[in-house]
Amino acid sequence: MDIYVSSLPFKLKEAGLKALFETHGEVESVKIIIDKITRQSKGFGFVTMPNEEEAKAAIAALHGSELDGRILIVSESQQKFQSSVKDSKSKKTSSAYFKGIGKSYRKK
C-alpha cells in the first residue's frame, strides 16, 4: 500500500522516515520529494508497505503524531490522474486561447 506523509520536518532524511514506519511493519520503499531548484525537501513524501494491515496500522498510529515539533499527516496515497495532451476535448477548447488575437496570429 502506498502511503502519503506530509508536514515532514525539512531536515528529515529518507532513512529516518523509513525507520519511523519500520516500527509498524515491513517497508518496501521511501521517497521524500525534493525541490528541483533548491534541492530542499518539500515537506512531504511517500512510503510503500507491502502488507496492507501493517500499512493501515502505521497510518492509524502515526497520523497526528509529532515529529521534531511538526504534526504529521499520514493517509493512504491517492492516484494522480493525468489528462492526455492529445485528448480530443482539449483540441476543441484550445481555440479559446486565441480569441481576441488578430487573424494573422491565430493558430491554423
Protein backbone atom coordinates (compact mmCIF):
# COMPACT_ATOMS: atom_id res chain seq x y z
CA MET A 1 0.00 0.00 0.00
CA ASP A 2 1.26 3.47 -0.86
CA ILE A 3 1.12 5.98 1.99
CA TYR A 4 1.24 9.78 1.71
CA VAL A 5 3.05 11.59 4.53
CA SER A 6 3.05 15.38 4.83
CA SER A 7 4.16 18.05 7.27
CA LEU A 8 7.54 16.34 7.48
CA PRO A 9 10.43 18.16 9.16
CA PHE A 10 12.56 19.63 6.37
CA LYS A 11 15.78 18.09 7.73
CA LEU A 12 14.31 14.55 7.88
CA LYS A 13 16.10 12.09 5.60
CA GLU A 14 14.60 9.05 3.88
CA ALA A 15 16.41 6.73 6.32
CA GLY A 16 14.69 8.48 9.25
CA LEU A 17 11.27 8.21 7.63
CA LYS A 18 11.87 4.54 6.87
CA ALA A 19 12.89 3.88 10.49
CA LEU A 20 9.72 5.61 11.71
CA PHE A 21 7.48 3.33 9.60
CA GLU A 22 9.52 0.16 10.22
CA THR A 23 8.31 0.17 13.82
CA HIS A 24 4.91 -0.78 12.36
CA GLY A 25 5.99 -3.37 9.77
CA GLU A 26 8.00 -4.02 6.63
CA VAL A 27 8.78 -1.01 4.46
CA GLU A 28 9.39 -1.59 0.76
CA SER A 29 10.39 1.94 -0.26
CA VAL A 30 10.51 5.54 0.94
CA LYS A 31 10.64 8.73 -1.14
CA ILE A 32 10.83 12.29 0.22
CA ILE A 33 10.02 14.82 -2.50
CA ILE A 34 12.81 17.31 -3.16
CA ASP A 35 12.53 20.71 -4.88
CA LYS A 36 14.49 20.58 -8.15
CA ILE A 37 15.84 24.10 -7.86
CA THR A 38 16.68 24.47 -4.16
CA ARG A 39 17.39 20.75 -3.56
CA GLN A 40 15.49 21.02 -0.25
CA SER A 41 12.69 18.82 1.00
CA LYS A 42 9.18 19.98 0.10
CA GLY A 43 7.93 18.56 3.41
CA PHE A 44 6.06 15.54 2.07
CA GLY A 45 6.80 12.08 0.79
CA PHE A 46 5.58 8.56 0.13
CA VAL A 47 6.11 5.23 1.88
CA THR A 48 5.29 1.85 0.36
CA MET A 49 4.44 -1.03 2.68
CA PRO A 50 3.68 -4.45 1.11
CA ASN A 51 1.37 -5.63 3.91
CA GLU A 52 -1.93 -3.72 3.86
CA GLU A 53 -2.78 -4.46 7.52
CA GLU A 54 0.61 -3.16 8.69
CA ALA A 55 0.20 -0.10 6.48
CA LYS A 56 -3.23 0.70 7.93
CA ALA A 57 -1.85 0.24 11.46
CA ALA A 58 1.02 2.63 10.64
CA ILE A 59 -1.42 5.22 9.27
CA ALA A 60 -3.60 4.97 12.39
CA ALA A 61 -0.61 5.18 14.74
CA LEU A 62 1.33 7.97 13.00
CA HIS A 63 -1.43 10.30 11.76
CA GLY A 64 -1.49 13.28 14.11
CA SER A 65 1.72 12.29 15.89
CA GLU A 66 4.51 14.80 16.45
CA LEU A 67 7.97 14.56 14.90
CA ASP A 68 10.55 17.29 15.59
CA GLY A 69 7.82 19.77 16.53
CA ARG A 70 5.63 19.08 13.49
CA ILE A 71 2.30 17.24 13.46
CA LEU A 72 2.40 14.51 10.80
CA ILE A 73 -0.42 14.00 8.33
CA VAL A 74 -0.48 10.37 7.20
CA SER A 75 -3.02 8.85 4.81
CA GLU A 76 -3.41 6.34 2.03
CA SER A 77 -1.95 7.76 -1.16
CA GLN A 78 -4.46 8.74 -3.87
CA GLN A 79 -3.65 8.05 -7.52
CA LYS A 80 -2.94 11.16 -9.57
CA PHE A 81 -4.84 11.32 -12.85
CA GLN A 82 -3.22 12.98 -15.84
CA SER A 83 -5.05 14.09 -18.95
CA SER A 84 -3.56 13.49 -22.35
CA VAL A 85 -2.44 16.46 -24.43
CA LYS A 86 -3.82 14.69 -27.48
CA ASP A 87 -7.26 14.47 -25.89
CA SER A 88 -9.92 15.48 -28.44
CA LYS A 89 -11.68 17.71 -25.91
CA SER A 90 -8.53 19.78 -25.34
CA LYS A 91 -8.22 20.31 -29.12
CA LYS A 92 -11.72 21.81 -29.24
CA THR A 93 -11.10 24.21 -26.36
CA SER A 94 -7.63 25.32 -27.48
CA SER A 95 -9.14 27.90 -29.83
CA ALA A 96 -10.50 29.73 -26.79
CA TYR A 97 -6.95 30.85 -26.00
CA PHE A 98 -6.71 32.65 -29.32
CA LYS A 99 -9.88 34.74 -29.12
CA GLY A 100 -9.18 38.44 -29.38
CA ILE A 101 -5.92 37.93 -31.26
CA GLY A 102 -5.68 39.23 -34.83
CA LYS A 103 -6.23 36.79 -37.69
CA SER A 104 -2.52 36.74 -38.58
CA TYR A 105 -1.73 35.28 -35.14
CA ARG A 106 -4.45 32.69 -34.95
CA LYS A 107 -3.48 29.05 -34.83
CA LYS A 108 -4.40 27.24 -38.05
